[in-house]
């Protein structure tokens, strides 16, 4: 019954020309952007950036938390997608907000070239590395944190209020784990929710 309900909801929504056009345009642009990211990150990695002495990271002992970090991120993402499937309009806005986060990251990474923190422990994410980074090992995609911005977006778009505590917990844990692993500077992490909120607000204004 749920599958029939979802098919009916999407079939009805798809008859709306404005929604259909936005959906096709959004996913078309997102596909092009994702395909281009490996080239952009290769450019970012080849540059010489600014080294920063982060007093916050200096207080945190480094530790590899890749597995638990990505388990949290992917579980939260899948759960959010499932809850959004019955709300096509909100689902589309979430994808548009994610697209804007990527655009903001491209802009900020271009403007602020940085060297990775001392003692960085690389995040091991086979999915991201295979599809987006290509064969280049990326350490300089720093300002701002895409992982933290993404989990913050999950909290902002979540339609099930009872799950707010879960997404907020994931957001906090991922932000802390990212810093413990020294993948980002503390200001990369602090800036991420700001850009996530701006992206979400802009997406809500798209017609």
N, C-alpha and C. Protein backbone atom coordinates (compact mmCIF):
# COMPACT_ATOMS: atom_id res chain seq x y z
N UNK A 1 0.82 -1.21 0.00
CA UNK A 1 0.00 0.00 0.00
C UNK A 1 0.86 1.27 0.00
N UNK A 2 1.96 1.22 0.75
CA UNK A 2 2.83 2.40 0.80
C UNK A 2 3.45 2.68 -0.55
N UNK A 3 3.87 1.60 -1.28
CA UNK A 3 4.46 1.80 -2.59
C UNK A 3 3.46 2.42 -3.55
N UNK A 4 2.19 1.92 -3.48
CA UNK A 4 1.14 2.47 -4.34
C UNK A 4 0.92 3.93 -4.01
N UNK A 5 0.95 4.24 -2.69
CA UNK A 5 0.76 5.62 -2.27
C UNK A 5 1.86 6.52 -2.79
N UNK A 6 3.11 6.07 -2.70
CA UNK A 6 4.24 6.85 -3.19
C UNK A 6 4.16 7.06 -4.69
N UNK A 7 3.79 6.01 -5.42
CA UNK A 7 3.67 6.13 -6.88
C UNK A 7 2.59 7.14 -7.25
N UNK A 8 1.51 7.10 -6.51
CA UNK A 8 0.40 8.03 -6.78
C UNK A 8 0.83 9.47 -6.49
N UNK A 9 1.51 9.67 -5.37
CA UNK A 9 1.97 11.02 -4.99
C UNK A 9 2.91 11.58 -6.04
N UNK A 10 3.89 10.77 -6.47
CA UNK A 10 4.87 11.25 -7.45
C UNK A 10 4.26 11.42 -8.84
N UNK A 11 3.35 10.50 -9.21
CA UNK A 11 2.70 10.61 -10.51
C UNK A 11 1.87 11.89 -10.58
N UNK A 12 1.16 12.19 -9.52
CA UNK A 12 0.35 13.40 -9.47
C UNK A 12 1.23 14.64 -9.50
N UNK A 13 2.32 14.62 -8.74
CA UNK A 13 3.22 15.78 -8.70
C UNK A 13 3.91 15.98 -10.04
N UNK A 14 4.20 14.89 -10.72
CA UNK A 14 4.91 14.97 -11.99
C UNK A 14 4.07 15.63 -13.08
N UNK A 15 2.75 15.66 -12.90
CA UNK A 15 1.88 16.32 -13.88
C UNK A 15 1.99 17.84 -13.81
N UNK A 16 2.58 18.35 -12.71
CA UNK A 16 2.76 19.79 -12.57
C UNK A 16 4.02 20.21 -13.35
N UNK A 17 3.82 21.05 -14.34
CA UNK A 17 4.91 21.41 -15.24
C UNK A 17 6.06 22.10 -14.50
N UNK A 18 5.75 22.99 -13.58
CA UNK A 18 6.80 23.74 -12.87
C UNK A 18 7.66 22.78 -12.05
N UNK A 19 7.02 21.82 -11.37
CA UNK A 19 7.77 20.85 -10.57
C UNK A 19 8.62 19.97 -11.48
N UNK A 20 8.04 19.50 -12.57
CA UNK A 20 8.75 18.62 -13.49
C UNK A 20 9.98 19.32 -14.08
N UNK A 21 9.81 20.57 -14.48
CA UNK A 21 10.93 21.31 -15.06
C UNK A 21 12.04 21.54 -14.03
N UNK A 22 11.63 21.92 -12.81
CA UNK A 22 12.62 22.14 -11.75
C UNK A 22 13.36 20.85 -11.42
N UNK A 23 12.63 19.75 -11.37
CA UNK A 23 13.22 18.46 -11.04
C UNK A 23 14.27 18.06 -12.08
N UNK A 24 13.91 18.14 -13.36
CA UNK A 24 14.82 17.75 -14.44
C UNK A 24 16.03 18.68 -14.50
N UNK A 25 15.79 19.98 -14.34
CA UNK A 25 16.89 20.94 -14.37
C UNK A 25 17.84 20.73 -13.20
N UNK A 26 17.27 20.54 -12.00
CA UNK A 26 18.08 20.35 -10.80
C UNK A 26 18.97 19.13 -10.91
N UNK A 27 18.40 17.99 -11.30
CA UNK A 27 19.18 16.77 -11.38
C UNK A 27 20.15 16.79 -12.55
N UNK A 28 19.79 17.52 -13.62
CA UNK A 28 20.72 17.67 -14.73
C UNK A 28 21.95 18.46 -14.32
N UNK A 29 21.74 19.60 -13.66
CA UNK A 29 22.85 20.43 -13.20
C UNK A 29 23.67 19.72 -12.14
N UNK A 30 22.98 19.00 -11.23
CA UNK A 30 23.69 18.28 -10.18
C UNK A 30 24.58 17.18 -10.77
N UNK A 31 24.09 16.49 -11.78
CA UNK A 31 24.87 15.43 -12.43
C UNK A 31 26.12 16.01 -13.08
N UNK A 32 25.97 17.14 -13.75
CA UNK A 32 27.12 17.79 -14.38
C UNK A 32 28.14 18.22 -13.33
N UNK A 33 27.63 18.79 -12.24
CA UNK A 33 28.52 19.28 -11.18
C UNK A 33 29.27 18.12 -10.52
N UNK A 34 28.57 17.04 -10.20
CA UNK A 34 29.21 15.90 -9.56
C UNK A 34 30.26 15.28 -10.48
N UNK A 35 29.96 15.23 -11.76
CA UNK A 35 30.91 14.69 -12.73
C UNK A 35 32.18 15.54 -12.80
N UNK A 36 32.04 16.84 -12.59
CA UNK A 36 33.16 17.77 -12.71
C UNK A 36 34.00 17.89 -11.44
N UNK A 37 33.49 17.37 -10.32
CA UNK A 37 34.16 17.57 -9.04
C UNK A 37 35.57 16.97 -9.00
N UNK A 38 35.75 15.82 -9.63
CA UNK A 38 37.08 15.20 -9.57
C UNK A 38 38.14 16.11 -10.18
N UNK A 39 37.78 16.82 -11.26
CA UNK A 39 38.72 17.75 -11.89
C UNK A 39 38.98 18.96 -11.00
N UNK A 40 37.91 19.42 -10.35
CA UNK A 40 38.07 20.58 -9.47
C UNK A 40 38.93 20.24 -8.27
N UNK A 41 38.70 19.07 -7.66
CA UNK A 41 39.48 18.69 -6.49
C UNK A 41 40.94 18.43 -6.85
N UNK A 42 41.19 17.97 -8.06
CA UNK A 42 42.57 17.81 -8.51
C UNK A 42 43.26 19.17 -8.58
N UNK A 43 42.53 20.18 -9.04
CA UNK A 43 43.07 21.55 -9.07
C UNK A 43 43.34 22.06 -7.66
N UNK A 44 42.41 21.82 -6.75
CA UNK A 44 42.56 22.27 -5.36
C UNK A 44 43.78 21.62 -4.71
N UNK A 45 43.94 20.32 -4.96
CA UNK A 45 45.02 19.58 -4.32
C UNK A 45 46.39 20.01 -4.85
N UNK A 46 46.45 20.49 -6.08
CA UNK A 46 47.73 20.86 -6.69
C UNK A 46 48.25 22.21 -6.21
N UNK A 47 47.38 23.02 -5.62
CA UNK A 47 47.79 24.36 -5.20
C UNK A 47 48.54 24.34 -3.88
N UNK A 48 49.34 25.36 -3.66
CA UNK A 48 49.97 25.58 -2.36
C UNK A 48 49.06 26.49 -1.56
N UNK A 49 48.70 26.06 -0.36
CA UNK A 49 47.78 26.83 0.45
C UNK A 49 48.43 27.38 1.71
N UNK A 50 47.62 28.04 2.51
CA UNK A 50 48.07 28.65 3.75
C UNK A 50 48.00 27.63 4.89
N UNK A 51 49.07 27.55 5.66
CA UNK A 51 49.08 26.69 6.84
C UNK A 51 48.53 27.46 8.03
N UNK A 52 47.70 26.81 8.83
CA UNK A 52 47.05 27.48 9.96
C UNK A 52 47.38 26.74 11.25
N UNK A 53 47.71 27.49 12.27
CA UNK A 53 47.91 26.92 13.60
C UNK A 53 46.58 26.99 14.35
N UNK A 54 45.87 25.88 14.39
CA UNK A 54 44.54 25.84 15.00
C UNK A 54 44.67 25.45 16.47
N UNK A 55 44.44 26.41 17.35
CA UNK A 55 44.61 26.16 18.79
C UNK A 55 43.59 25.15 19.31
N UNK A 56 42.42 25.07 18.66
CA UNK A 56 41.41 24.11 19.09
C UNK A 56 41.86 22.69 18.77
N UNK A 57 42.33 22.47 17.54
CA UNK A 57 42.81 21.13 17.16
C UNK A 57 44.02 20.71 17.99
N UNK A 58 44.82 21.68 18.38
CA UNK A 58 46.00 21.35 19.19
C UNK A 58 45.63 20.74 20.54
N UNK A 59 44.41 20.99 20.98
CA UNK A 59 43.96 20.46 22.27
C UNK A 59 43.34 19.07 22.14
N UNK A 60 43.14 18.60 20.90
CA UNK A 60 42.44 17.34 20.66
C UNK A 60 43.41 16.28 20.16
N UNK A 61 43.52 15.14 20.85
CA UNK A 61 44.38 14.06 20.35
C UNK A 61 43.78 13.43 19.11
N UNK A 62 44.59 13.22 18.04
CA UNK A 62 44.05 12.66 16.79
C UNK A 62 43.71 11.18 16.92
N UNK A 63 42.66 10.78 16.20
CA UNK A 63 42.23 9.37 16.23
C UNK A 63 41.43 9.09 14.98
N UNK A 64 41.58 7.88 14.43
CA UNK A 64 40.88 7.51 13.20
C UNK A 64 39.46 7.05 13.51
N UNK A 65 38.48 7.84 13.08
CA UNK A 65 37.07 7.53 13.32
C UNK A 65 36.30 7.42 12.00
N UNK A 66 36.99 7.06 10.93
CA UNK A 66 36.38 7.01 9.61
C UNK A 66 35.15 6.12 9.57
N UNK A 67 35.26 4.92 10.10
CA UNK A 67 34.17 3.95 9.98
C UNK A 67 32.91 4.45 10.66
N UNK A 68 33.03 4.86 11.91
CA UNK A 68 31.84 5.31 12.64
C UNK A 68 31.29 6.60 12.06
N UNK A 69 32.18 7.47 11.55
CA UNK A 69 31.73 8.73 10.94
C UNK A 69 30.85 8.47 9.74
N UNK A 70 31.29 7.59 8.84
CA UNK A 70 30.51 7.34 7.63
C UNK A 70 29.29 6.47 7.89
N UNK A 71 29.35 5.61 8.89
CA UNK A 71 28.15 4.87 9.28
C UNK A 71 27.06 5.85 9.72
N UNK A 72 27.43 6.83 10.52
CA UNK A 72 26.47 7.84 10.97
C UNK A 72 25.93 8.66 9.80
N UNK A 73 26.83 9.14 8.93
CA UNK A 73 26.42 9.99 7.82
C UNK A 73 25.48 9.25 6.86
N UNK A 74 25.86 8.05 6.45
CA UNK A 74 25.06 7.33 5.46
C UNK A 74 23.75 6.83 6.05
N UNK A 75 23.76 6.40 7.30
CA UNK A 75 22.51 5.97 7.92
C UNK A 75 21.54 7.14 8.03
N UNK A 76 22.05 8.29 8.46
CA UNK A 76 21.20 9.48 8.58
C UNK A 76 20.69 9.92 7.22
N UNK A 77 21.54 9.87 6.19
CA UNK A 77 21.14 10.28 4.85
C UNK A 77 20.05 9.38 4.28
N UNK A 78 20.24 8.06 4.42
CA UNK A 78 19.24 7.11 3.91
C UNK A 78 17.92 7.28 4.65
N UNK A 79 17.98 7.44 5.96
CA UNK A 79 16.76 7.63 6.74
C UNK A 79 16.03 8.90 6.31
N UNK A 80 16.77 9.97 6.08
CA UNK A 80 16.16 11.23 5.66
C UNK A 80 15.52 11.09 4.28
N UNK A 81 16.20 10.42 3.36
CA UNK A 81 15.65 10.22 2.01
C UNK A 81 14.35 9.44 2.08
N UNK A 82 14.32 8.41 2.91
CA UNK A 82 13.10 7.60 3.05
C UNK A 82 11.93 8.45 3.54
N UNK A 83 12.20 9.31 4.51
CA UNK A 83 11.12 10.15 5.05
C UNK A 83 10.69 11.24 4.08
N UNK A 84 11.59 11.59 3.14
CA UNK A 84 11.26 12.65 2.18
C UNK A 84 10.55 12.12 0.93
N UNK A 85 10.58 10.82 0.70
CA UNK A 85 10.02 10.26 -0.52
C UNK A 85 8.52 10.53 -0.67
N UNK A 86 7.84 10.66 0.44
CA UNK A 86 6.40 10.92 0.38
C UNK A 86 6.09 12.41 0.25
N UNK A 87 7.16 13.23 0.18
CA UNK A 87 7.00 14.69 0.08
C UNK A 87 7.86 15.19 -1.08
N UNK A 88 7.40 15.02 -2.33
CA UNK A 88 8.21 15.36 -3.51
C UNK A 88 8.74 16.80 -3.51
N UNK A 89 7.91 17.74 -3.09
CA UNK A 89 8.34 19.15 -3.10
C UNK A 89 9.50 19.36 -2.13
N UNK A 90 9.39 18.81 -0.94
CA UNK A 90 10.44 18.95 0.07
C UNK A 90 11.69 18.18 -0.36
N UNK A 91 11.50 17.03 -0.98
CA UNK A 91 12.62 16.25 -1.50
C UNK A 91 13.42 17.05 -2.52
N UNK A 92 12.70 17.71 -3.43
CA UNK A 92 13.36 18.52 -4.45
C UNK A 92 14.11 19.69 -3.83
N UNK A 93 13.49 20.34 -2.85
CA UNK A 93 14.15 21.47 -2.18
C UNK A 93 15.43 21.02 -1.47
N UNK A 94 15.40 19.82 -0.90
CA UNK A 94 16.59 19.30 -0.23
C UNK A 94 17.72 19.07 -1.22
N UNK A 95 17.39 18.53 -2.40
CA UNK A 95 18.41 18.30 -3.43
C UNK A 95 18.95 19.64 -3.94
N UNK A 96 18.08 20.62 -4.09
CA UNK A 96 18.52 21.95 -4.54
C UNK A 96 19.43 22.59 -3.51
N UNK A 97 19.12 22.41 -2.22
CA UNK A 97 19.97 22.95 -1.16
C UNK A 97 21.33 22.27 -1.17
N UNK A 98 21.36 20.96 -1.41
CA UNK A 98 22.63 20.24 -1.48
C UNK A 98 23.45 20.74 -2.67
N UNK A 99 22.78 20.99 -3.78
CA UNK A 99 23.46 21.54 -4.96
C UNK A 99 24.10 22.89 -4.62
N UNK A 100 23.37 23.73 -3.89
CA UNK A 100 23.89 25.04 -3.51
C UNK A 100 25.08 24.92 -2.55
N UNK A 101 25.03 23.93 -1.65
CA UNK A 101 26.17 23.69 -0.77
C UNK A 101 27.42 23.38 -1.58
N UNK A 102 27.26 22.55 -2.61
CA UNK A 102 28.41 22.23 -3.47
C UNK A 102 28.93 23.47 -4.19
N UNK A 103 28.01 24.32 -4.65
CA UNK A 103 28.42 25.56 -5.32
C UNK A 103 29.19 26.46 -4.35
N UNK A 104 28.66 26.60 -3.14
CA UNK A 104 29.35 27.41 -2.14
C UNK A 104 30.74 26.85 -1.82
N UNK A 105 30.84 25.51 -1.76
CA UNK A 105 32.15 24.90 -1.48
C UNK A 105 33.14 25.19 -2.60
N UNK A 106 32.69 25.11 -3.82
CA UNK A 106 33.58 25.41 -4.94
C UNK A 106 34.09 26.84 -4.85
N UNK A 107 33.19 27.76 -4.49
CA UNK A 107 33.57 29.17 -4.37
C UNK A 107 34.57 29.38 -3.23
N UNK A 108 34.25 28.85 -2.06
CA UNK A 108 35.11 29.08 -0.89
C UNK A 108 36.45 28.36 -1.02
N UNK A 109 36.43 27.16 -1.60
CA UNK A 109 37.69 26.45 -1.80
C UNK A 109 38.59 27.16 -2.80
N UNK A 110 37.98 27.82 -3.77
CA UNK A 110 38.75 28.58 -4.76
C UNK A 110 39.36 29.82 -4.13
N UNK A 111 38.58 30.48 -3.28
CA UNK A 111 39.03 31.75 -2.69
C UNK A 111 40.03 31.53 -1.56
N UNK A 112 39.86 30.45 -0.77
CA UNK A 112 40.68 30.24 0.42
C UNK A 112 41.50 28.95 0.32
N UNK A 113 42.63 28.99 -0.38
CA UNK A 113 43.49 27.80 -0.45
C UNK A 113 44.19 27.55 0.89
N UNK A 114 44.05 26.35 1.40
CA UNK A 114 44.64 26.01 2.70
C UNK A 114 45.41 24.70 2.61
N UNK A 115 46.43 24.58 3.46
CA UNK A 115 47.13 23.31 3.63
C UNK A 115 46.42 22.52 4.73
N UNK A 116 46.44 21.21 4.68
CA UNK A 116 45.74 20.40 5.69
C UNK A 116 46.36 20.56 7.08
N UNK A 117 45.57 20.33 8.11
CA UNK A 117 46.09 20.43 9.49
C UNK A 117 47.21 19.43 9.74
N UNK A 118 48.07 19.77 10.68
CA UNK A 118 49.13 18.84 11.09
C UNK A 118 48.50 17.59 11.69
N UNK A 119 49.03 16.41 11.31
CA UNK A 119 48.55 15.17 11.87
C UNK A 119 47.24 14.68 11.30
N UNK A 120 46.86 15.18 10.11
CA UNK A 120 45.60 14.77 9.49
C UNK A 120 45.56 13.25 9.29
N UNK A 121 44.41 12.66 9.62
CA UNK A 121 44.16 11.24 9.35
C UNK A 121 43.07 11.18 8.29
N UNK A 122 43.39 10.69 7.12
CA UNK A 122 42.47 10.74 5.99
C UNK A 122 41.19 9.97 6.27
N UNK A 123 40.06 10.58 5.90
CA UNK A 123 38.79 9.88 5.94
C UNK A 123 38.76 8.84 4.81
N UNK A 124 38.39 7.62 5.14
CA UNK A 124 38.35 6.56 4.14
C UNK A 124 36.90 6.31 3.73
N UNK A 125 36.52 6.92 2.63
CA UNK A 125 35.16 6.77 2.11
C UNK A 125 35.26 6.28 0.66
N UNK A 126 35.17 4.96 0.42
CA UNK A 126 35.33 4.41 -0.92
C UNK A 126 34.35 5.00 -1.94
N UNK A 127 33.12 5.29 -1.51
CA UNK A 127 32.11 5.82 -2.43
C UNK A 127 32.52 7.19 -2.96
N UNK A 128 32.82 8.10 -2.05
CA UNK A 128 33.19 9.46 -2.44
C UNK A 128 34.49 9.46 -3.23
N UNK A 129 35.48 8.71 -2.75
CA UNK A 129 36.77 8.70 -3.41
C UNK A 129 36.68 8.15 -4.83
N UNK A 130 35.87 7.11 -5.02
CA UNK A 130 35.77 6.47 -6.33
C UNK A 130 35.02 7.33 -7.33
N UNK A 131 33.92 7.94 -6.90
CA UNK A 131 33.05 8.64 -7.85
C UNK A 131 33.41 10.11 -8.03
N UNK A 132 33.91 10.78 -7.00
CA UNK A 132 34.11 12.22 -7.05
C UNK A 132 35.58 12.64 -7.08
N UNK A 133 36.44 11.96 -6.35
CA UNK A 133 37.83 12.37 -6.25
C UNK A 133 38.72 11.74 -7.31
N UNK A 134 38.27 10.66 -7.91
CA UNK A 134 39.09 9.97 -8.89
C UNK A 134 40.28 9.32 -8.21
N UNK A 135 41.46 9.38 -8.82
CA UNK A 135 42.65 8.74 -8.28
C UNK A 135 43.46 9.69 -7.40
N UNK A 136 42.99 10.92 -7.24
CA UNK A 136 43.73 11.91 -6.46
C UNK A 136 43.35 11.81 -4.99
N UNK A 137 44.37 11.75 -4.13
CA UNK A 137 44.11 11.75 -2.68
C UNK A 137 43.91 13.18 -2.23
N UNK A 138 42.70 13.48 -1.73
CA UNK A 138 42.34 14.86 -1.42
C UNK A 138 42.53 15.15 0.07
N UNK A 139 43.27 16.22 0.36
CA UNK A 139 43.46 16.66 1.74
C UNK A 139 43.20 18.15 1.92
N UNK A 140 43.03 18.88 0.79
CA UNK A 140 42.94 20.34 0.85
C UNK A 140 41.53 20.87 0.58
N UNK A 141 40.52 20.01 0.58
CA UNK A 141 39.14 20.50 0.41
C UNK A 141 38.63 20.91 1.79
N UNK A 142 39.12 22.04 2.27
CA UNK A 142 39.00 22.37 3.68
C UNK A 142 37.85 23.33 4.02
N UNK A 143 37.93 24.56 3.56
CA UNK A 143 36.91 25.53 3.98
C UNK A 143 35.76 25.58 2.97
N UNK A 144 34.62 25.07 3.34
CA UNK A 144 34.18 24.60 4.63
C UNK A 144 33.94 23.09 4.58
N UNK A 145 33.61 22.45 5.69
CA UNK A 145 33.43 21.00 5.71
C UNK A 145 32.13 20.58 5.02
N UNK A 146 32.28 19.81 3.95
CA UNK A 146 31.11 19.32 3.23
C UNK A 146 30.34 18.27 4.02
N UNK A 147 31.06 17.45 4.77
CA UNK A 147 30.38 16.41 5.55
C UNK A 147 29.50 17.03 6.64
N UNK A 148 30.05 18.00 7.34
CA UNK A 148 29.28 18.65 8.42
C UNK A 148 28.10 19.44 7.84
N UNK A 149 28.32 20.12 6.72
CA UNK A 149 27.24 20.86 6.08
C UNK A 149 26.11 19.92 5.64
N UNK A 150 26.48 18.75 5.15
CA UNK A 150 25.48 17.79 4.69
C UNK A 150 24.61 17.27 5.83
N UNK A 151 25.25 16.89 6.95
CA UNK A 151 24.45 16.38 8.06
C UNK A 151 23.62 17.50 8.70
N UNK A 152 24.12 18.72 8.65
CA UNK A 152 23.33 19.85 9.12
C UNK A 152 22.10 20.04 8.24
N UNK A 153 22.28 19.88 6.92
CA UNK A 153 21.15 19.99 5.99
C UNK A 153 20.10 18.91 6.28
N UNK A 154 20.55 17.71 6.63
CA UNK A 154 19.61 16.64 6.97
C UNK A 154 18.73 17.06 8.15
N UNK A 155 19.33 17.72 9.12
CA UNK A 155 18.57 18.22 10.27
C UNK A 155 17.56 19.28 9.84
N UNK A 156 17.98 20.18 8.95
CA UNK A 156 17.12 21.28 8.53
C UNK A 156 15.94 20.81 7.70
N UNK A 157 16.13 19.79 6.86
CA UNK A 157 15.06 19.34 5.95
C UNK A 157 14.20 18.25 6.56
N UNK A 158 14.62 17.69 7.67
CA UNK A 158 13.90 16.57 8.26
C UNK A 158 12.43 16.92 8.51
N UNK A 159 11.48 16.16 7.92
CA UNK A 159 10.06 16.46 8.10
C UNK A 159 9.45 15.79 9.34
N UNK A 160 10.18 14.87 9.97
CA UNK A 160 9.67 14.15 11.13
C UNK A 160 10.28 14.76 12.39
N UNK A 161 9.53 15.58 13.05
CA UNK A 161 10.07 16.35 14.18
C UNK A 161 10.60 15.47 15.31
N UNK A 162 10.02 14.26 15.44
CA UNK A 162 10.50 13.36 16.49
C UNK A 162 11.93 12.89 16.24
N UNK A 163 12.40 13.03 15.00
CA UNK A 163 13.76 12.61 14.65
C UNK A 163 14.76 13.76 14.74
N UNK A 164 14.31 14.93 15.12
CA UNK A 164 15.22 16.08 15.20
C UNK A 164 16.39 15.82 16.14
N UNK A 165 16.09 15.17 17.26
CA UNK A 165 17.15 14.88 18.23
C UNK A 165 18.21 13.97 17.62
N UNK A 166 17.77 13.02 16.78
CA UNK A 166 18.71 12.09 16.15
C UNK A 166 19.62 12.83 15.18
N UNK A 167 19.04 13.66 14.30
CA UNK A 167 19.86 14.39 13.32
C UNK A 167 20.77 15.41 14.00
N UNK A 168 20.28 16.01 15.06
CA UNK A 168 21.12 16.95 15.80
C UNK A 168 22.30 16.23 16.45
N UNK A 169 22.04 15.03 16.98
CA UNK A 169 23.11 14.24 17.58
C UNK A 169 24.15 13.83 16.54
N UNK A 170 23.66 13.41 15.36
CA UNK A 170 24.57 13.02 14.28
C UNK A 170 25.41 14.22 13.85
N UNK A 171 24.77 15.37 13.73
CA UNK A 171 25.48 16.60 13.35
C UNK A 171 26.60 16.91 14.34
N UNK A 172 26.31 16.86 15.62
CA UNK A 172 27.31 17.18 16.65
C UNK A 172 28.44 16.15 16.63
N UNK A 173 28.07 14.87 16.56
CA UNK A 173 29.08 13.80 16.58
C UNK A 173 30.00 13.88 15.37
N UNK A 174 29.42 14.06 14.19
CA UNK A 174 30.24 14.14 12.98
C UNK A 174 31.17 15.35 13.03
N UNK A 175 30.66 16.48 13.51
CA UNK A 175 31.50 17.68 13.64
C UNK A 175 32.69 17.42 14.57
N UNK A 176 32.43 16.75 15.69
CA UNK A 176 33.51 16.45 16.64
C UNK A 176 34.48 15.43 16.05
N UNK A 177 33.93 14.38 15.43
CA UNK A 177 34.79 13.33 14.86
C UNK A 177 35.69 13.87 13.76
N UNK A 178 35.14 14.79 12.95
CA UNK A 178 35.93 15.39 11.87
C UNK A 178 37.14 16.13 12.44
N UNK A 179 36.92 16.83 13.55
CA UNK A 179 38.03 17.56 14.17
C UNK A 179 38.99 16.61 14.88
N UNK A 180 38.47 15.57 15.52
CA UNK A 180 39.35 14.59 16.17
C UNK A 180 40.28 13.96 15.14
N UNK A 181 39.76 13.72 13.95
CA UNK A 181 40.56 13.11 12.89
C UNK A 181 41.43 14.14 12.16
N UNK A 182 41.25 15.41 12.52
CA UNK A 182 42.03 16.51 11.94
C UNK A 182 41.88 16.60 10.41
N UNK A 183 40.70 16.24 9.95
CA UNK A 183 40.41 16.35 8.51
C UNK A 183 40.14 17.80 8.14
N UNK A 184 39.62 18.56 9.10
CA UNK A 184 39.31 19.98 8.89
C UNK A 184 39.79 20.80 10.07
N UNK A 185 40.01 22.08 9.81
CA UNK A 185 40.25 23.02 10.89
C UNK A 185 38.93 23.27 11.62
N UNK A 186 39.03 23.79 12.82
CA UNK A 186 37.81 24.05 13.61
C UNK A 186 36.91 25.07 12.92
N UNK A 187 37.49 26.07 12.24
CA UNK A 187 36.66 27.08 11.58
C UNK A 187 35.98 26.51 10.33
N UNK A 188 36.56 25.47 9.72
CA UNK A 188 35.88 24.78 8.62
C UNK A 188 34.57 24.16 9.11
N UNK A 189 34.66 23.58 10.30
CA UNK A 189 33.49 22.91 10.89
C UNK A 189 32.46 23.93 11.35
N UNK A 190 32.91 25.01 11.97
CA UNK A 190 31.99 26.03 12.47
C UNK A 190 31.26 26.75 11.33
N UNK A 191 31.93 26.92 10.20
CA UNK A 191 31.31 27.62 9.07
C UNK A 191 30.31 26.75 8.33
N UNK A 192 30.46 25.43 8.41
CA UNK A 192 29.61 24.51 7.64
C UNK A 192 28.11 24.70 7.89
N UNK A 193 27.64 24.74 9.15
CA UNK A 193 26.19 24.92 9.35
C UNK A 193 25.67 26.26 8.86
N UNK A 194 26.52 27.28 8.83
CA UNK A 194 26.10 28.58 8.31
C UNK A 194 25.78 28.47 6.82
N UNK A 195 26.67 27.83 6.07
CA UNK A 195 26.45 27.66 4.64
C UNK A 195 25.29 26.70 4.37
N UNK A 196 25.12 25.70 5.22
CA UNK A 196 23.99 24.78 5.07
C UNK A 196 22.67 25.52 5.25
N UNK A 197 22.62 26.39 6.25
CA UNK A 197 21.39 27.16 6.51
C UNK A 197 21.11 28.13 5.36
N UNK A 198 22.14 28.81 4.88
CA UNK A 198 21.95 29.73 3.76
C UNK A 198 21.46 28.98 2.53
N UNK A 199 22.06 27.83 2.26
CA UNK A 199 21.66 27.02 1.09
C UNK A 199 20.21 26.58 1.21
N UNK A 200 19.80 26.18 2.40
CA UNK A 200 18.43 25.73 2.61
C UNK A 200 17.45 26.88 2.45
N UNK A 201 17.79 28.04 2.97
CA UNK A 201 16.91 29.21 2.83
C UNK A 201 16.78 29.62 1.36
N UNK A 202 17.89 29.58 0.62
CA UNK A 202 17.84 29.92 -0.80
C UNK A 202 17.01 28.91 -1.59
N UNK A 203 17.17 27.64 -1.25
CA UNK A 203 16.41 26.59 -1.94
C UNK A 203 14.91 26.78 -1.72
N UNK A 204 14.53 27.22 -0.54
CA UNK A 204 13.11 27.42 -0.26
C UNK A 204 12.52 28.58 -1.07
N UNK A 205 13.39 29.45 -1.56
CA UNK A 205 12.92 30.59 -2.34
C UNK A 205 12.90 30.31 -3.84
N UNK A 206 13.45 29.17 -4.25
CA UNK A 206 13.49 28.84 -5.68
C UNK A 206 12.09 28.54 -6.16
N UNK A 207 11.73 29.11 -7.31
CA UNK A 207 10.42 28.85 -7.92
C UNK A 207 10.61 28.15 -9.25
